[in-house]
């Protein structure tokens, strides 16, 4: 029998994930002058926390190499404000959902109240991305609100994953090795997409500058 948490994940994750797979949403960073997908990814995902530095972003995102994050932050904040990105990502996500799902406005009206109750009731203790996303859920546009609610729940789950890794003493490379060993993701793809290599730690240089290349 499907558990309630898994059922919630299966039904809300596709709504949230449009931000990463819709072509217009994937181009959000470039549309405001950021360089490449990953700079946009790190900036938009951490934007609810404000102009966060790479050390904090690396800690909350849990599995990315520090050097990969440092190539994007804090440089992104010299180009666009976090507030601009939080608004833009909700707007583009809502536009994509309206294009993909006929009747999404009606559905948003039905789903928002129970999802809002879950978000309001959830504890933000030790869940920084969830805590940063929760105040953003009060959006006037119903589909933007629906997307933001599913995003807050997704970050609640992600924060819980990071806490579980820390509780078991697993660092980022060890977590990725475990994911690959259990066939949750292809080894090479997940390693490269998270910025790690066989010979490099992924740490930025001691002077704090992002590595070249």
N, C-alpha and C. Protein backbone atom coordinates (compact mmCIF):
# COMPACT_ATOMS: atom_id res chain seq x y z
N UNK A 1 0.84 -1.19 0.00
CA UNK A 1 0.00 0.00 0.00
C UNK A 1 0.88 1.25 0.00
N UNK A 2 0.54 2.21 -0.82
CA UNK A 2 1.33 3.43 -0.95
C UNK A 2 1.19 4.28 0.31
N UNK A 3 2.33 4.71 0.88
CA UNK A 3 2.29 5.54 2.07
C UNK A 3 1.81 6.94 1.72
N UNK A 4 1.32 7.65 2.70
CA UNK A 4 0.84 9.02 2.47
C UNK A 4 1.98 9.96 2.04
N UNK A 5 3.15 9.89 2.70
CA UNK A 5 4.24 10.77 2.25
C UNK A 5 4.65 10.50 0.80
N UNK A 6 4.69 9.22 0.42
CA UNK A 6 5.07 8.90 -0.96
C UNK A 6 3.98 9.36 -1.94
N UNK A 7 2.73 9.19 -1.55
CA UNK A 7 1.64 9.63 -2.41
C UNK A 7 1.69 11.14 -2.61
N UNK A 8 1.99 11.87 -1.55
CA UNK A 8 2.11 13.33 -1.66
C UNK A 8 3.25 13.71 -2.58
N UNK A 9 4.38 13.03 -2.44
CA UNK A 9 5.54 13.29 -3.30
C UNK A 9 5.21 13.02 -4.77
N UNK A 10 4.60 11.89 -5.05
CA UNK A 10 4.30 11.52 -6.43
C UNK A 10 3.35 12.52 -7.09
N UNK A 11 2.48 13.12 -6.31
CA UNK A 11 1.47 14.01 -6.89
C UNK A 11 1.89 15.47 -6.94
N UNK A 12 2.83 15.85 -6.09
CA UNK A 12 3.25 17.26 -6.08
C UNK A 12 4.58 17.50 -6.77
N UNK A 13 5.44 16.50 -6.79
CA UNK A 13 6.77 16.70 -7.40
C UNK A 13 6.69 17.12 -8.87
N UNK A 14 5.81 16.53 -9.70
CA UNK A 14 5.75 16.98 -11.09
C UNK A 14 5.36 18.45 -11.23
N UNK A 15 4.54 18.95 -10.32
CA UNK A 15 4.15 20.36 -10.37
C UNK A 15 5.35 21.25 -10.05
N UNK A 16 6.08 20.89 -9.02
CA UNK A 16 7.28 21.66 -8.66
C UNK A 16 8.35 21.57 -9.74
N UNK A 17 8.58 20.36 -10.26
CA UNK A 17 9.73 20.10 -11.13
C UNK A 17 9.65 20.77 -12.48
N UNK A 18 8.52 21.37 -12.82
CA UNK A 18 8.43 22.09 -14.09
C UNK A 18 9.50 23.17 -14.17
N UNK A 19 9.93 23.69 -13.02
CA UNK A 19 10.93 24.75 -12.99
C UNK A 19 12.27 24.27 -13.54
N UNK A 20 12.52 22.96 -13.51
CA UNK A 20 13.79 22.41 -13.98
C UNK A 20 13.72 21.79 -15.37
N UNK A 21 12.52 21.48 -15.85
CA UNK A 21 12.42 20.75 -17.11
C UNK A 21 11.72 21.51 -18.23
N UNK A 22 10.89 22.47 -17.91
CA UNK A 22 10.32 23.30 -18.97
C UNK A 22 11.41 24.18 -19.56
N UNK A 23 11.45 24.30 -20.88
CA UNK A 23 12.55 25.01 -21.53
C UNK A 23 12.61 26.48 -21.12
N UNK A 24 11.47 27.15 -21.04
CA UNK A 24 11.49 28.56 -20.64
C UNK A 24 11.96 28.70 -19.21
N UNK A 25 11.53 27.80 -18.34
CA UNK A 25 11.96 27.85 -16.94
C UNK A 25 13.46 27.56 -16.82
N UNK A 26 13.95 26.61 -17.61
CA UNK A 26 15.38 26.29 -17.57
C UNK A 26 16.23 27.48 -18.00
N UNK A 27 15.67 28.37 -18.80
CA UNK A 27 16.42 29.52 -19.27
C UNK A 27 16.28 30.74 -18.39
N UNK A 28 15.73 30.60 -17.19
CA UNK A 28 15.49 31.73 -16.32
C UNK A 28 16.78 32.50 -16.01
N UNK A 29 17.87 31.79 -15.78
CA UNK A 29 19.12 32.46 -15.46
C UNK A 29 19.63 33.30 -16.61
N UNK A 30 19.67 32.71 -17.79
CA UNK A 30 20.15 33.43 -18.96
C UNK A 30 19.26 34.63 -19.26
N UNK A 31 17.96 34.53 -18.96
CA UNK A 31 17.05 35.63 -19.28
C UNK A 31 17.35 36.88 -18.47
N UNK A 32 18.05 36.74 -17.35
CA UNK A 32 18.39 37.91 -16.53
C UNK A 32 19.89 38.18 -16.52
N UNK A 33 20.63 37.49 -17.42
CA UNK A 33 22.05 37.78 -17.56
C UNK A 33 23.00 36.85 -16.84
N UNK A 34 22.49 35.79 -16.21
CA UNK A 34 23.38 34.83 -15.56
C UNK A 34 24.00 33.90 -16.61
N UNK A 35 25.13 33.31 -16.28
CA UNK A 35 25.88 32.52 -17.24
C UNK A 35 25.60 31.03 -17.07
N UNK A 36 24.86 30.47 -17.97
CA UNK A 36 24.66 29.03 -17.98
C UNK A 36 23.58 28.55 -17.02
N UNK A 37 23.20 27.28 -17.24
CA UNK A 37 22.12 26.69 -16.44
C UNK A 37 22.47 26.64 -14.96
N UNK A 38 23.68 26.22 -14.61
CA UNK A 38 24.00 25.98 -13.21
C UNK A 38 24.09 27.25 -12.40
N UNK A 39 24.57 28.33 -13.00
CA UNK A 39 24.57 29.60 -12.27
C UNK A 39 23.13 30.00 -11.97
N UNK A 40 22.25 29.81 -12.94
CA UNK A 40 20.84 30.09 -12.71
C UNK A 40 20.23 29.16 -11.67
N UNK A 41 20.62 27.89 -11.71
CA UNK A 41 20.09 26.92 -10.75
C UNK A 41 20.43 27.32 -9.32
N UNK A 42 21.71 27.56 -9.06
CA UNK A 42 22.12 27.89 -7.69
C UNK A 42 21.50 29.21 -7.23
N UNK A 43 21.43 30.18 -8.12
CA UNK A 43 20.87 31.48 -7.74
C UNK A 43 19.38 31.38 -7.47
N UNK A 44 18.63 30.72 -8.38
CA UNK A 44 17.18 30.66 -8.19
C UNK A 44 16.79 29.78 -7.01
N UNK A 45 17.51 28.69 -6.81
CA UNK A 45 17.11 27.80 -5.72
C UNK A 45 17.43 28.39 -4.35
N UNK A 46 18.51 29.14 -4.25
CA UNK A 46 18.85 29.73 -2.95
C UNK A 46 18.30 31.14 -2.78
N UNK A 47 17.72 31.72 -3.82
CA UNK A 47 17.23 33.10 -3.75
C UNK A 47 16.26 33.35 -2.59
N UNK A 48 15.38 32.40 -2.22
CA UNK A 48 14.50 32.66 -1.08
C UNK A 48 15.25 32.94 0.22
N UNK A 49 16.53 32.54 0.30
CA UNK A 49 17.32 32.77 1.50
C UNK A 49 18.01 34.13 1.47
N UNK A 50 17.86 34.88 0.37
CA UNK A 50 18.56 36.15 0.24
C UNK A 50 19.89 35.96 -0.47
N UNK A 51 20.76 36.99 -0.48
CA UNK A 51 22.03 36.89 -1.20
C UNK A 51 23.04 36.02 -0.46
N UNK A 52 22.73 34.75 -0.40
CA UNK A 52 23.52 33.80 0.39
C UNK A 52 24.91 33.60 -0.21
N UNK A 53 25.89 33.38 0.65
CA UNK A 53 27.24 33.12 0.20
C UNK A 53 27.40 31.63 -0.16
N UNK A 54 28.45 31.29 -0.93
CA UNK A 54 28.58 29.91 -1.40
C UNK A 54 28.74 28.89 -0.29
N UNK A 55 29.39 29.28 0.81
CA UNK A 55 29.57 28.32 1.90
C UNK A 55 28.23 27.88 2.48
N UNK A 56 27.33 28.84 2.68
CA UNK A 56 26.01 28.51 3.22
C UNK A 56 25.19 27.74 2.19
N UNK A 57 25.28 28.15 0.93
CA UNK A 57 24.53 27.45 -0.13
C UNK A 57 24.99 26.00 -0.25
N UNK A 58 26.30 25.79 -0.20
CA UNK A 58 26.84 24.42 -0.27
C UNK A 58 26.31 23.58 0.88
N UNK A 59 26.25 24.17 2.06
CA UNK A 59 25.79 23.42 3.23
C UNK A 59 24.33 23.02 3.11
N UNK A 60 23.47 23.93 2.66
CA UNK A 60 22.04 23.61 2.62
C UNK A 60 21.69 22.72 1.44
N UNK A 61 22.43 22.84 0.32
CA UNK A 61 22.14 22.00 -0.84
C UNK A 61 22.72 20.60 -0.69
N UNK A 62 23.71 20.45 0.15
CA UNK A 62 24.18 19.17 0.68
C UNK A 62 25.06 18.32 -0.24
N UNK A 63 24.79 18.23 -1.53
CA UNK A 63 25.51 17.25 -2.35
C UNK A 63 26.36 17.85 -3.46
N UNK A 64 26.40 19.17 -3.57
CA UNK A 64 27.19 19.80 -4.63
C UNK A 64 28.59 20.12 -4.14
N UNK A 65 29.57 19.99 -5.05
CA UNK A 65 30.94 20.33 -4.72
C UNK A 65 31.05 21.83 -4.43
N UNK A 66 31.77 22.22 -3.38
CA UNK A 66 31.89 23.64 -3.04
C UNK A 66 32.38 24.51 -4.20
N UNK A 67 33.33 24.00 -4.98
CA UNK A 67 33.84 24.78 -6.10
C UNK A 67 32.80 25.06 -7.15
N UNK A 68 31.90 24.11 -7.36
CA UNK A 68 30.83 24.30 -8.34
C UNK A 68 29.89 25.42 -7.90
N UNK A 69 29.56 25.44 -6.62
CA UNK A 69 28.69 26.48 -6.09
C UNK A 69 29.39 27.84 -6.13
N UNK A 70 30.68 27.84 -5.79
CA UNK A 70 31.43 29.10 -5.73
C UNK A 70 31.60 29.75 -7.09
N UNK A 71 31.47 28.99 -8.16
CA UNK A 71 31.53 29.60 -9.49
C UNK A 71 30.27 30.40 -9.80
N UNK A 72 29.20 30.15 -9.06
CA UNK A 72 27.93 30.83 -9.31
C UNK A 72 27.63 31.93 -8.29
N UNK A 73 27.98 31.66 -7.04
CA UNK A 73 27.68 32.59 -5.95
C UNK A 73 28.96 33.04 -5.28
N UNK A 74 29.06 34.30 -4.89
CA UNK A 74 28.03 35.35 -4.88
C UNK A 74 27.95 36.17 -6.17
N UNK A 75 28.66 35.74 -7.23
CA UNK A 75 28.69 36.54 -8.46
C UNK A 75 27.29 36.82 -8.99
N UNK A 76 26.38 35.85 -8.84
CA UNK A 76 25.02 36.04 -9.37
C UNK A 76 24.34 37.25 -8.77
N UNK A 77 24.64 37.55 -7.50
CA UNK A 77 23.96 38.66 -6.82
C UNK A 77 24.43 40.02 -7.31
N UNK A 78 25.51 40.05 -8.08
CA UNK A 78 25.94 41.30 -8.70
C UNK A 78 25.15 41.57 -9.98
N UNK A 79 24.42 40.57 -10.45
CA UNK A 79 23.67 40.66 -11.71
C UNK A 79 22.18 40.81 -11.48
N UNK A 80 21.66 40.08 -10.51
CA UNK A 80 20.21 40.07 -10.27
C UNK A 80 19.97 39.90 -8.78
N UNK A 81 18.89 40.49 -8.29
CA UNK A 81 18.57 40.37 -6.86
C UNK A 81 17.82 39.08 -6.58
N UNK A 82 17.96 38.54 -5.38
CA UNK A 82 17.18 37.36 -5.02
C UNK A 82 15.68 37.59 -5.15
N UNK A 83 15.23 38.79 -4.80
CA UNK A 83 13.80 39.09 -4.87
C UNK A 83 13.28 38.99 -6.31
N UNK A 84 14.06 39.48 -7.25
CA UNK A 84 13.67 39.40 -8.66
C UNK A 84 13.57 37.94 -9.09
N UNK A 85 14.50 37.11 -8.67
CA UNK A 85 14.49 35.70 -9.06
C UNK A 85 13.33 34.94 -8.43
N UNK A 86 13.01 35.22 -7.18
CA UNK A 86 11.90 34.49 -6.56
C UNK A 86 10.58 34.80 -7.26
N UNK A 87 10.40 36.05 -7.66
CA UNK A 87 9.18 36.40 -8.39
C UNK A 87 9.17 35.79 -9.79
N UNK A 88 10.30 35.88 -10.48
CA UNK A 88 10.37 35.41 -11.85
C UNK A 88 10.18 33.91 -11.94
N UNK A 89 10.75 33.15 -11.04
CA UNK A 89 10.62 31.69 -11.12
C UNK A 89 9.17 31.27 -10.89
N UNK A 90 8.46 31.93 -9.97
CA UNK A 90 7.05 31.60 -9.74
C UNK A 90 6.21 31.96 -10.97
N UNK A 91 6.51 33.09 -11.58
CA UNK A 91 5.75 33.51 -12.76
C UNK A 91 5.97 32.56 -13.93
N UNK A 92 7.21 32.17 -14.17
CA UNK A 92 7.50 31.26 -15.29
C UNK A 92 6.96 29.86 -15.03
N UNK A 93 7.04 29.41 -13.79
CA UNK A 93 6.50 28.09 -13.46
C UNK A 93 4.99 28.08 -13.67
N UNK A 94 4.30 29.13 -13.26
CA UNK A 94 2.85 29.20 -13.46
C UNK A 94 2.51 29.24 -14.94
N UNK A 95 3.29 29.96 -15.72
CA UNK A 95 3.05 30.02 -17.16
C UNK A 95 3.20 28.63 -17.77
N UNK A 96 4.22 27.90 -17.35
CA UNK A 96 4.44 26.55 -17.88
C UNK A 96 3.31 25.61 -17.48
N UNK A 97 2.87 25.69 -16.22
CA UNK A 97 1.79 24.81 -15.77
C UNK A 97 0.48 25.10 -16.50
N UNK A 98 0.22 26.36 -16.76
CA UNK A 98 -0.99 26.70 -17.52
C UNK A 98 -0.92 26.16 -18.94
N UNK A 99 0.26 26.12 -19.50
CA UNK A 99 0.45 25.60 -20.85
C UNK A 99 0.32 24.08 -20.88
N UNK A 100 0.76 23.42 -19.83
CA UNK A 100 0.82 21.96 -19.80
C UNK A 100 -0.45 21.31 -19.27
N UNK A 101 -1.17 21.99 -18.38
CA UNK A 101 -2.29 21.37 -17.69
C UNK A 101 -3.56 22.20 -17.89
N UNK A 102 -4.44 21.78 -18.79
CA UNK A 102 -5.71 22.50 -18.95
C UNK A 102 -6.50 22.49 -17.64
N UNK A 103 -7.08 23.61 -17.30
CA UNK A 103 -7.87 23.69 -16.08
C UNK A 103 -7.06 23.81 -14.81
N UNK A 104 -5.79 24.16 -14.94
CA UNK A 104 -4.91 24.23 -13.76
C UNK A 104 -5.38 25.29 -12.76
N UNK A 105 -6.03 26.35 -13.24
CA UNK A 105 -6.50 27.38 -12.31
C UNK A 105 -7.56 26.83 -11.37
N UNK A 106 -8.48 26.02 -11.91
CA UNK A 106 -9.49 25.38 -11.07
C UNK A 106 -8.85 24.40 -10.10
N UNK A 107 -7.92 23.61 -10.62
CA UNK A 107 -7.21 22.64 -9.78
C UNK A 107 -6.44 23.34 -8.67
N UNK A 108 -5.82 24.47 -9.01
CA UNK A 108 -5.07 25.22 -8.00
C UNK A 108 -5.97 25.65 -6.85
N UNK A 109 -7.18 26.09 -7.18
CA UNK A 109 -8.12 26.49 -6.14
C UNK A 109 -8.51 25.35 -5.22
N UNK A 110 -8.56 24.13 -5.77
CA UNK A 110 -8.93 22.97 -4.97
C UNK A 110 -7.76 22.47 -4.12
N UNK A 111 -6.56 22.53 -4.66
CA UNK A 111 -5.40 21.97 -3.98
C UNK A 111 -4.76 22.90 -2.98
N UNK A 112 -4.87 24.19 -3.21
CA UNK A 112 -4.15 25.15 -2.37
C UNK A 112 -4.50 25.05 -0.88
N UNK A 113 -5.79 24.97 -0.50
CA UNK A 113 -6.09 24.94 0.94
C UNK A 113 -5.44 23.77 1.70
N UNK A 114 -5.55 22.51 1.22
CA UNK A 114 -4.90 21.44 1.99
C UNK A 114 -3.38 21.53 1.97
N UNK A 115 -2.81 21.97 0.83
CA UNK A 115 -1.35 22.11 0.77
C UNK A 115 -0.89 23.24 1.69
N UNK A 116 -1.63 24.33 1.72
CA UNK A 116 -1.28 25.44 2.60
C UNK A 116 -1.33 25.02 4.06
N UNK A 117 -2.29 24.18 4.40
CA UNK A 117 -2.39 23.70 5.78
C UNK A 117 -1.17 22.85 6.14
N UNK A 118 -0.72 22.02 5.20
CA UNK A 118 0.48 21.21 5.43
C UNK A 118 1.70 22.09 5.63
N UNK A 119 1.86 23.07 4.76
CA UNK A 119 3.01 23.96 4.83
C UNK A 119 3.00 24.74 6.13
N UNK A 120 1.85 25.24 6.52
CA UNK A 120 1.74 26.03 7.75
C UNK A 120 2.03 25.19 8.98
N UNK A 121 1.60 23.93 8.94
CA UNK A 121 1.71 23.06 10.11
C UNK A 121 3.11 22.46 10.27
N UNK A 122 3.89 22.42 9.19
CA UNK A 122 5.19 21.76 9.23
C UNK A 122 6.19 22.56 10.05
N UNK A 123 7.07 21.85 10.73
CA UNK A 123 8.11 22.50 11.52
C UNK A 123 9.25 22.95 10.62
N UNK A 124 9.72 24.17 10.82
CA UNK A 124 10.84 24.70 10.05
C UNK A 124 12.17 24.48 10.76
N UNK A 125 12.17 23.86 11.93
CA UNK A 125 13.39 23.65 12.68
C UNK A 125 14.40 22.83 11.86
N UNK A 126 15.59 23.38 11.68
CA UNK A 126 16.67 22.71 10.94
C UNK A 126 16.31 22.45 9.48
N UNK A 127 15.39 23.25 8.93
CA UNK A 127 14.99 23.12 7.53
C UNK A 127 15.08 24.50 6.87
N UNK A 128 16.28 24.94 6.54
CA UNK A 128 16.48 26.32 6.08
C UNK A 128 15.82 26.65 4.75
N UNK A 129 15.87 25.76 3.78
CA UNK A 129 15.25 26.07 2.49
C UNK A 129 13.73 26.09 2.61
N UNK A 130 13.19 25.19 3.39
CA UNK A 130 11.75 25.21 3.63
C UNK A 130 11.35 26.50 4.34
N UNK A 131 12.10 26.86 5.38
CA UNK A 131 11.78 28.07 6.14
C UNK A 131 11.83 29.31 5.25
N UNK A 132 12.76 29.34 4.30
CA UNK A 132 12.88 30.50 3.41
C UNK A 132 11.77 30.53 2.37
N UNK A 133 11.28 29.37 1.95
CA UNK A 133 10.24 29.30 0.93
C UNK A 133 8.84 29.50 1.49
N UNK A 134 8.62 29.15 2.74
CA UNK A 134 7.26 29.19 3.29
C UNK A 134 6.63 30.59 3.23
N UNK A 135 7.35 31.66 3.57
CA UNK A 135 6.70 32.98 3.51
C UNK A 135 6.35 33.43 2.10
N UNK A 136 6.89 32.76 1.08
CA UNK A 136 6.64 33.15 -0.31
C UNK A 136 5.35 32.56 -0.86
N UNK A 137 4.67 31.74 -0.08
CA UNK A 137 3.49 31.02 -0.58
C UNK A 137 2.25 31.90 -0.71
N UNK A 138 2.27 33.05 -0.10
CA UNK A 138 1.09 33.92 -0.13
C UNK A 138 1.12 34.79 -1.40
N UNK A 139 0.91 34.15 -2.54
CA UNK A 139 0.94 34.83 -3.82
C UNK A 139 -0.48 35.03 -4.34
N UNK A 140 -0.71 36.16 -4.98
CA UNK A 140 -2.06 36.48 -5.46
C UNK A 140 -2.50 35.58 -6.59
N UNK A 141 -1.60 35.26 -7.51
CA UNK A 141 -1.94 34.39 -8.63
C UNK A 141 -2.12 32.96 -8.12
N UNK A 142 -3.26 32.31 -8.40
CA UNK A 142 -3.52 30.98 -7.83
C UNK A 142 -2.55 29.90 -8.28
N UNK A 143 -2.10 29.96 -9.53
CA UNK A 143 -1.17 28.92 -10.00
C UNK A 143 0.23 29.19 -9.48
N UNK A 144 0.61 30.43 -9.38
CA UNK A 144 1.90 30.75 -8.74
C UNK A 144 1.90 30.26 -7.30
N UNK A 145 0.76 30.45 -6.62
CA UNK A 145 0.66 30.00 -5.23
C UNK A 145 0.76 28.48 -5.14
N UNK A 146 0.07 27.78 -6.03
CA UNK A 146 0.14 26.33 -6.05
C UNK A 146 1.57 25.88 -6.26
N UNK A 147 2.27 26.48 -7.22
CA UNK A 147 3.65 26.08 -7.47
C UNK A 147 4.53 26.36 -6.26
N UNK A 148 4.35 27.50 -5.62
CA UNK A 148 5.18 27.83 -4.47
C UNK A 148 4.91 26.91 -3.30
N UNK A 149 3.66 26.51 -3.11
CA UNK A 149 3.33 25.56 -2.04
C UNK A 149 4.02 24.22 -2.28
N UNK A 150 3.96 23.72 -3.53
CA UNK A 150 4.63 22.44 -3.81
C UNK A 150 6.14 22.58 -3.68
N UNK A 151 6.67 23.76 -3.97
CA UNK A 151 8.10 23.99 -3.83
C UNK A 151 8.51 24.01 -2.36
N UNK A 152 7.70 24.63 -1.52
CA UNK A 152 8.00 24.62 -0.09
C UNK A 152 8.01 23.19 0.45
N UNK A 153 7.05 22.37 0.02
CA UNK A 153 7.01 20.98 0.46
C UNK A 153 8.20 20.19 -0.07
N UNK A 154 8.61 20.49 -1.31
CA UNK A 154 9.76 19.81 -1.87
C UNK A 154 11.04 20.15 -1.08
N UNK A 155 11.17 21.43 -0.70
CA UNK A 155 12.36 21.82 0.05
C UNK A 155 12.31 21.29 1.48
N UNK A 156 11.12 21.10 2.03
CA UNK A 156 11.00 20.44 3.33
C UNK A 156 11.59 19.03 3.24
N UNK A 157 11.22 18.34 2.17
CA UNK A 157 11.75 16.98 1.97
C UNK A 157 13.27 17.01 1.76
N UNK A 158 13.74 17.96 0.94
CA UNK A 158 15.17 18.06 0.69
C UNK A 158 15.96 18.38 1.94
N UNK A 159 15.45 19.30 2.76
CA UNK A 159 16.12 19.61 4.02
C UNK A 159 16.19 18.37 4.92
N UNK A 160 15.12 17.58 4.90
CA UNK A 160 15.10 16.36 5.72
C UNK A 160 16.14 15.37 5.23
N UNK A 161 16.30 15.27 3.91
CA UNK A 161 17.34 14.38 3.36
C UNK A 161 18.72 14.82 3.83
N UNK A 162 18.98 16.14 3.77
CA UNK A 162 20.29 16.65 4.20
C UNK A 162 20.53 16.36 5.68
N UNK A 163 19.49 16.54 6.48
CA UNK A 163 19.61 16.26 7.91
C UNK A 163 19.88 14.78 8.17
N UNK A 164 19.25 13.91 7.38
CA UNK A 164 19.47 12.47 7.54
C UNK A 164 20.90 12.10 7.19
N UNK A 165 21.44 12.70 6.12
CA UNK A 165 22.84 12.44 5.75
C UNK A 165 23.77 12.87 6.88
N UNK A 166 23.55 14.06 7.42
CA UNK A 166 24.40 14.56 8.50
C UNK A 166 24.28 13.67 9.73
N UNK A 167 23.07 13.23 10.03
CA UNK A 167 22.84 12.39 11.20
C UNK A 167 23.59 11.06 11.09
N UNK A 168 23.75 10.58 9.85
CA UNK A 168 24.46 9.32 9.64
C UNK A 168 25.93 9.52 9.30
N UNK A 169 26.40 10.75 9.38
CA UNK A 169 27.81 11.03 9.16
C UNK A 169 28.26 10.89 7.73
N UNK A 170 27.35 11.07 6.76
CA UNK A 170 27.68 10.94 5.35
C UNK A 170 27.92 12.32 4.75
N UNK A 171 29.09 12.49 4.09
CA UNK A 171 29.32 13.74 3.39
C UNK A 171 28.78 13.63 1.96
N UNK A 172 28.95 14.68 1.16
CA UNK A 172 28.35 14.71 -0.17
C UNK A 172 28.83 13.59 -1.08
N UNK A 173 30.16 13.38 -1.23
CA UNK A 173 30.60 12.27 -2.09
C UNK A 173 30.08 10.92 -1.63
N UNK A 174 30.06 10.69 -0.33
CA UNK A 174 29.56 9.41 0.18
C UNK A 174 28.07 9.24 -0.13
N UNK A 175 27.32 10.32 -0.04
CA UNK A 175 25.90 10.25 -0.36
C UNK A 175 25.69 9.90 -1.83
N UNK A 176 26.51 10.48 -2.71
CA UNK A 176 26.39 10.21 -4.14
C UNK A 176 26.83 8.79 -4.47
N UNK A 177 27.86 8.30 -3.79
CA UNK A 177 28.28 6.91 -3.98
C UNK A 177 27.14 5.97 -3.59
N UNK A 178 26.48 6.29 -2.50
CA UNK A 178 25.35 5.46 -2.05
C UNK A 178 24.23 5.49 -3.08
N UNK A 179 23.94 6.67 -3.63
CA UNK A 179 22.88 6.78 -4.63
C UNK A 179 23.22 5.96 -5.87
N UNK A 180 24.48 6.01 -6.30
CA UNK A 180 24.90 5.24 -7.47
C UNK A 180 24.89 3.74 -7.19
N UNK A 181 25.33 3.36 -6.00
CA UNK A 181 25.40 1.94 -5.65
C UNK A 181 24.02 1.30 -5.56
N UNK A 182 23.01 2.09 -5.26
CA UNK A 182 21.65 1.57 -5.15
C UNK A 182 20.84 1.83 -6.42
N UNK A 183 21.56 2.20 -7.50
CA UNK A 183 20.95 2.42 -8.83
C UNK A 183 19.89 3.52 -8.83
N UNK A 184 20.04 4.50 -7.96
CA UNK A 184 19.12 5.64 -7.97
C UNK A 184 19.52 6.67 -9.01
N UNK A 185 20.77 6.61 -9.44
CA UNK A 185 21.25 7.55 -10.46
C UNK A 185 22.50 6.96 -11.09
N UNK A 186 22.77 7.25 -12.39
CA UNK A 186 23.98 6.75 -13.03
C UNK A 186 25.22 7.39 -12.42
N UNK A 187 26.24 6.60 -12.21
CA UNK A 187 27.44 7.05 -11.49
C UNK A 187 28.09 8.27 -12.10
N UNK A 188 28.41 8.23 -13.40
CA UNK A 188 29.11 9.34 -14.02
C UNK A 188 28.24 10.59 -14.07
N UNK A 189 26.98 10.42 -14.43
CA UNK A 189 26.10 11.56 -14.54
C UNK A 189 25.92 12.29 -13.23
N UNK A 190 25.66 11.55 -12.15
CA UNK A 190 25.41 12.20 -10.88
C UNK A 190 26.67 12.84 -10.34
N UNK A 191 27.83 12.23 -10.61
CA UNK A 191 29.09 12.81 -10.12
C UNK A 191 29.39 14.13 -10.83
N UNK A 192 29.28 14.12 -12.15
CA UNK A 192 29.59 15.33 -12.91
C UNK A 192 28.55 16.42 -12.69
N UNK A 193 27.28 16.05 -12.58
CA UNK A 193 26.24 17.04 -12.37
C UNK A 193 26.33 17.69 -11.00
N UNK A 194 27.04 17.07 -10.09
CA UNK A 194 27.20 17.65 -8.76
C UNK A 194 28.58 18.27 -8.57
N UNK A 195 29.41 18.22 -9.61
CA UNK A 195 30.68 18.95 -9.59
C UNK A 195 31.87 18.22 -9.01
N UNK A 196 31.77 16.91 -8.83
CA UNK A 196 32.87 16.15 -8.25
C UNK A 196 33.67 15.44 -9.34
N UNK A 197 34.91 15.10 -9.03
CA UNK A 197 35.73 14.33 -9.96
C UNK A 197 36.42 13.21 -9.19
N UNK A 198 37.10 12.34 -9.92
CA UNK A 198 37.80 11.23 -9.27
C UNK A 198 39.02 11.70 -8.49
N UNK A 199 39.58 12.84 -8.88
CA UNK A 199 40.86 13.26 -8.30
C UNK A 199 40.79 14.58 -7.54
N UNK A 200 39.69 15.33 -7.70
CA UNK A 200 39.59 16.62 -7.05
C UNK A 200 38.49 16.61 -6.00
N UNK A 201 38.71 17.36 -4.93
CA UNK A 201 37.75 17.38 -3.83
C UNK A 201 36.53 18.23 -4.14
N UNK A 202 36.67 19.12 -5.12
CA UNK A 202 35.57 20.03 -5.41
C UNK A 202 35.57 21.26 -4.52
N UNK A 203 36.59 21.39 -3.64
CA UNK A 203 36.66 22.55 -2.77
C UNK A 203 37.23 23.75 -3.52
N UNK A 204 36.73 24.97 -3.20
CA UNK A 204 37.32 26.16 -3.80
C UNK A 204 38.69 26.40 -3.20
N UNK A 205 39.57 27.17 -3.86
CA UNK A 205 40.88 27.47 -3.30
C UNK A 205 40.75 28.16 -1.96
N UNK A 206 41.81 28.11 -1.16
CA UNK A 206 41.77 28.66 0.18
C UNK A 206 41.55 30.17 0.20
N UNK A 207 41.91 30.86 -0.90
CA UNK A 207 41.72 32.31 -0.93
C UNK A 207 40.26 32.69 -1.23
N UNK A 208 39.42 31.70 -1.43
CA UNK A 208 38.01 31.95 -1.62
C UNK A 208 37.61 32.20 -3.06
N UNK A 209 38.58 32.22 -4.00
CA UNK A 209 38.25 32.46 -5.41
C UNK A 209 37.78 31.18 -6.07
N UNK A 210 36.90 31.30 -7.00
CA UNK A 210 36.41 30.11 -7.72
C UNK A 210 37.51 29.58 -8.62
N UNK A 211 37.64 28.26 -8.75
CA UNK A 211 38.66 27.68 -9.62
C UNK A 211 38.40 28.00 -11.07
N UNK A 212 39.44 28.12 -11.84
CA UNK A 212 39.27 28.39 -13.28
C UNK A 212 38.91 27.11 -14.01
N UNK A 213 38.18 27.29 -15.13
CA UNK A 213 37.87 26.15 -15.99
C UNK A 213 36.72 25.31 -15.49
